[in-house]
């Protein structure tokens, strides 16, 4: 974890909203979603932010403007940043003990706060793994002499890229195949969308995570 200094925190949600031209409610939602990566300090008047945090809020706003999903933004932040830790110095003890006792009560209070961070980190890893798997599949296709051709696409006489229609049974079968590899619904959905698979509604629609989850549960057969 990055050790964050606490001597320069000029911004709060109101000043950030004015400087970035973004509603403070939106910035509060960003902070709730990506708090692990945004440097911050809690003071009597509320949460304060430094220059680095301001730049990160601006980057997050731009990524949403590029229609990136929350999972994709978490994956991007996880590959470029480490979770931050706000360190507040305390007065040194009068006499250092020979051995520090373990604060089990403090540790028990800390663990519930770490669980959401761990879940977001795992989600980011799944997103990255799905992207790497897609890239490896494309590289293997090139090596076998198939170029960039994908079974979900074909090129017409006028050179236009045309998507082939996948049947309902093929889509469901692919979901169960990837589930058999131990993949979760989010990872399966990301991999299939990147590979060009349509939704059950047909070509032109994007497969959703909720649909994948219903297929896995057997609600959709």
Protein backbone atom coordinates (compact mmCIF):
# COMPACT_ATOMS: atom_id res chain seq x y z
CA UNK A 1 0.00 0.00 0.00
CA UNK A 2 1.11 3.60 -0.69
CA UNK A 3 1.85 5.66 2.40
CA UNK A 4 0.03 8.98 1.85
CA UNK A 5 1.26 12.24 3.37
CA UNK A 6 -1.36 14.30 5.18
CA UNK A 7 0.02 17.86 4.94
CA UNK A 8 -1.65 19.20 1.77
CA UNK A 9 -5.36 18.51 1.38
CA UNK A 10 -6.95 21.70 -0.03
CA UNK A 11 -9.99 20.17 -1.74
CA UNK A 12 -13.40 18.94 -0.60
CA UNK A 13 -16.38 17.72 -2.65
CA UNK A 14 -17.72 21.26 -3.16
CA UNK A 15 -14.44 22.74 -4.43
CA UNK A 16 -13.84 19.72 -6.66
CA UNK A 17 -17.33 20.05 -8.13
CA UNK A 18 -16.63 23.69 -8.98
CA UNK A 19 -13.15 23.08 -10.43
CA UNK A 20 -14.10 19.97 -12.46
CA UNK A 21 -17.58 21.09 -13.49
CA UNK A 22 -19.03 17.87 -12.09
CA UNK A 23 -21.91 17.69 -9.55
CA UNK A 24 -20.75 16.91 -6.01
CA UNK A 25 -23.24 14.01 -5.80
CA UNK A 26 -21.50 12.42 -8.80
CA UNK A 27 -18.09 12.89 -7.17
CA UNK A 28 -19.38 11.31 -3.95
CA UNK A 29 -20.57 8.29 -5.98
CA UNK A 30 -17.12 8.03 -7.61
CA UNK A 31 -15.50 8.18 -4.18
CA UNK A 32 -17.75 5.40 -2.86
CA UNK A 33 -16.90 3.16 -5.83
CA UNK A 34 -13.16 3.84 -6.06
CA UNK A 35 -12.25 4.95 -2.53
CA UNK A 36 -9.43 2.40 -2.34
CA UNK A 37 -7.53 4.26 -5.06
CA UNK A 38 -8.36 7.92 -4.22
CA UNK A 39 -6.05 9.62 -1.67
CA UNK A 40 -8.16 11.20 1.08
CA UNK A 41 -8.03 12.47 4.63
CA UNK A 42 -10.88 12.60 7.14
CA UNK A 43 -10.97 15.82 9.19
CA UNK A 44 -13.63 17.43 11.40
CA UNK A 45 -15.15 19.29 8.45
CA UNK A 46 -15.36 16.20 6.27
CA UNK A 47 -13.26 14.32 3.72
CA UNK A 48 -10.38 16.27 2.15
CA UNK A 49 -8.45 15.56 -1.07
CA UNK A 50 -5.06 16.53 -2.48
CA UNK A 51 -3.96 17.44 -6.01
CA UNK A 52 -3.44 13.78 -6.96
CA UNK A 53 -7.00 12.92 -5.91
CA UNK A 54 -8.37 15.80 -7.98
CA UNK A 55 -6.56 14.51 -11.09
CA UNK A 56 -7.86 11.00 -10.42
CA UNK A 57 -11.48 12.24 -10.15
CA UNK A 58 -10.99 13.95 -13.51
CA UNK A 59 -9.61 10.73 -15.07
CA UNK A 60 -12.54 8.69 -13.74
CA UNK A 61 -14.98 11.23 -15.18
CA UNK A 62 -13.28 10.95 -18.58
CA UNK A 63 -13.40 7.13 -18.52
CA UNK A 64 -17.14 7.17 -17.83
CA UNK A 65 -17.42 9.68 -20.69
CA UNK A 66 -15.77 7.05 -22.91
CA UNK A 67 -18.59 4.64 -21.93
CA UNK A 68 -16.32 2.41 -19.85
CA UNK A 69 -18.11 0.26 -17.25
CA UNK A 70 -17.34 0.43 -13.53
CA UNK A 71 -15.60 -2.96 -13.70
CA UNK A 72 -13.41 -1.77 -16.58
CA UNK A 73 -12.45 1.39 -14.68
CA UNK A 74 -11.56 -0.67 -11.59
CA UNK A 75 -9.41 -2.89 -13.81
CA UNK A 76 -7.62 0.15 -15.24
CA UNK A 77 -6.98 1.63 -11.79
CA UNK A 78 -5.79 -1.72 -10.44
CA UNK A 79 -3.13 -1.95 -13.17
CA UNK A 80 -1.84 1.60 -12.72
CA UNK A 81 -2.26 2.35 -9.01
CA UNK A 82 -1.89 0.76 -5.61
CA UNK A 83 -4.57 1.12 -2.90
CA UNK A 84 -3.88 4.18 -0.73
CA UNK A 85 -3.57 4.31 3.03
CA UNK A 86 -4.06 7.57 4.93
CA UNK A 87 -1.52 7.60 7.73
CA UNK A 88 -2.16 9.92 10.67
CA UNK A 89 0.93 10.21 12.90
CA UNK A 90 0.51 9.77 16.64
CA UNK A 91 2.70 10.77 19.55
CA UNK A 92 5.55 8.32 20.21
CA UNK A 93 5.26 6.24 23.39
CA UNK A 94 7.27 7.31 26.42
CA UNK A 95 9.06 3.98 26.43
CA UNK A 96 9.10 1.50 23.60
CA UNK A 97 7.97 -1.96 24.77
CA UNK A 98 10.16 -4.93 24.05
CA UNK A 99 7.34 -6.62 22.12
CA UNK A 100 4.17 -5.06 20.70
CA UNK A 101 0.96 -6.93 21.67
CA UNK A 102 -1.43 -7.83 18.87
CA UNK A 103 -4.55 -5.64 18.90
CA UNK A 104 -7.12 -8.35 18.09
CA UNK A 105 -10.07 -5.96 18.55
CA UNK A 106 -8.58 -3.47 16.08
CA UNK A 107 -7.78 -6.28 13.66
CA UNK A 108 -11.38 -7.53 13.85
CA UNK A 109 -12.66 -4.05 13.01
CA UNK A 110 -10.25 -3.72 10.07
CA UNK A 111 -11.09 -7.02 8.35
CA UNK A 112 -14.70 -6.12 7.33
CA UNK A 113 -13.38 -2.94 5.69
CA UNK A 114 -10.83 -4.93 3.69
CA UNK A 115 -13.36 -7.42 2.28
CA UNK A 116 -14.90 -4.99 -0.29
CA UNK A 117 -11.39 -4.01 -1.41
CA UNK A 118 -10.50 -7.66 -1.92
CA UNK A 119 -13.69 -8.26 -3.92
CA UNK A 120 -12.97 -5.28 -6.19
CA UNK A 121 -9.39 -6.49 -6.66
CA UNK A 122 -10.59 -9.97 -7.66
CA UNK A 123 -13.11 -8.43 -10.09
CA UNK A 124 -10.31 -6.38 -11.65
CA UNK A 125 -8.12 -9.47 -12.01
CA UNK A 126 -10.99 -11.33 -13.74
CA UNK A 127 -11.41 -8.45 -16.21
CA UNK A 128 -7.69 -8.40 -16.96
CA UNK A 129 -7.57 -12.20 -17.33
CA UNK A 130 -10.50 -12.15 -19.78
CA UNK A 131 -8.75 -9.50 -21.88
CA UNK A 132 -5.51 -11.51 -21.89
CA UNK A 133 -7.39 -14.66 -22.91
CA UNK A 134 -8.99 -12.81 -25.81
CA UNK A 135 -5.60 -11.48 -26.94
CA UNK A 136 -4.06 -14.96 -26.79
CA UNK A 137 -6.90 -16.35 -28.90
CA UNK A 138 -6.29 -13.68 -31.54
CA UNK A 139 -2.53 -14.36 -31.53
CA UNK A 140 -3.17 -18.09 -31.98
CA UNK A 141 -5.48 -17.34 -34.90
CA UNK A 142 -2.78 -15.26 -36.59
CA UNK A 143 -0.17 -18.00 -36.08
CA UNK A 144 -2.41 -20.62 -37.73
CA UNK A 145 -2.77 -18.46 -40.85
CA UNK A 146 -6.33 -17.41 -40.17
CA UNK A 147 -5.42 -13.72 -39.73
CA UNK A 148 -7.94 -11.75 -37.73
CA UNK A 149 -10.92 -13.85 -38.84
CA UNK A 150 -13.27 -14.80 -36.04
CA UNK A 151 -16.07 -17.38 -36.28
CA UNK A 152 -18.53 -14.69 -35.30
CA UNK A 153 -17.62 -12.58 -38.38
CA UNK A 154 -17.15 -12.93 -42.11
CA UNK A 155 -16.21 -10.48 -44.86
CA UNK A 156 -18.67 -9.89 -47.71
CA UNK A 157 -17.86 -9.24 -51.37
CA UNK A 158 -17.75 -5.49 -50.75
CA UNK A 159 -15.23 -5.97 -47.93
CA UNK A 160 -17.75 -5.13 -45.18
CA UNK A 161 -17.50 -6.93 -41.85
CA UNK A 162 -20.69 -8.93 -41.22
CA UNK A 163 -21.56 -10.66 -37.94
CA UNK A 164 -22.79 -14.23 -38.14
CA UNK A 165 -25.93 -14.95 -36.17
CA UNK A 166 -25.38 -17.28 -33.20
CA UNK A 167 -28.20 -19.56 -32.20
CA UNK A 168 -29.67 -19.51 -28.71
CA UNK A 169 -28.31 -23.02 -28.11
CA UNK A 170 -24.78 -22.01 -29.14
CA UNK A 171 -24.77 -19.02 -26.79
CA UNK A 172 -26.02 -21.08 -23.84
CA UNK A 173 -23.53 -23.85 -24.62
CA UNK A 174 -20.63 -21.37 -24.67
CA UNK A 175 -21.69 -19.95 -21.29
CA UNK A 176 -21.73 -23.43 -19.74
CA UNK A 177 -18.37 -24.27 -21.36
CA UNK A 178 -16.70 -21.24 -19.78
CA UNK A 179 -18.49 -21.92 -16.49
CA UNK A 180 -16.91 -25.36 -16.58
CA UNK A 181 -13.52 -23.62 -16.50
CA UNK A 182 -14.47 -22.09 -13.15
CA UNK A 183 -15.23 -18.62 -14.51
CA UNK A 184 -17.76 -16.30 -12.85
CA UNK A 185 -20.66 -14.60 -14.62
CA UNK A 186 -18.82 -11.27 -14.95
CA UNK A 187 -15.73 -12.85 -16.45
CA UNK A 188 -17.79 -14.99 -18.86
CA UNK A 189 -19.79 -11.98 -20.03
CA UNK A 190 -16.64 -9.87 -20.58
CA UNK A 191 -14.88 -12.63 -22.55
CA UNK A 192 -17.89 -13.37 -24.77
CA UNK A 193 -18.59 -9.70 -25.52
CA UNK A 194 -14.93 -9.13 -26.41
CA UNK A 195 -15.06 -12.22 -28.66
CA UNK A 196 -18.09 -10.82 -30.51
CA UNK A 197 -20.84 -13.07 -29.17
CA UNK A 198 -24.33 -11.52 -29.46
CA UNK A 199 -27.02 -11.64 -26.80
CA UNK A 200 -30.04 -13.91 -26.82
CA UNK A 201 -31.88 -10.98 -28.41
CA UNK A 202 -29.72 -11.38 -31.53
CA UNK A 203 -27.05 -9.47 -33.43
CA UNK A 204 -26.79 -5.81 -32.46
CA UNK A 205 -27.50 -6.48 -28.77
CA UNK A 206 -24.82 -6.98 -26.12
CA UNK A 207 -24.83 -9.94 -23.75
CA UNK A 208 -25.48 -8.86 -20.14
CA UNK A 209 -24.05 -10.23 -16.91
CA UNK A 210 -27.56 -10.87 -15.54
CA UNK A 211 -28.40 -13.03 -18.58
CA UNK A 212 -25.20 -15.04 -18.09
CA UNK A 213 -26.06 -15.52 -14.41
CA UNK A 214 -29.57 -16.79 -15.30
CA UNK A 215 -28.09 -19.23 -17.82
CA UNK A 216 -25.68 -20.55 -15.17
CA UNK A 217 -28.53 -20.98 -12.66
CA UNK A 218 -30.59 -22.82 -15.26
CA UNK A 219 -33.34 -20.19 -15.44
CA UNK A 220 -32.59 -19.86 -19.15
CA UNK A 221 -32.32 -23.11 -21.10
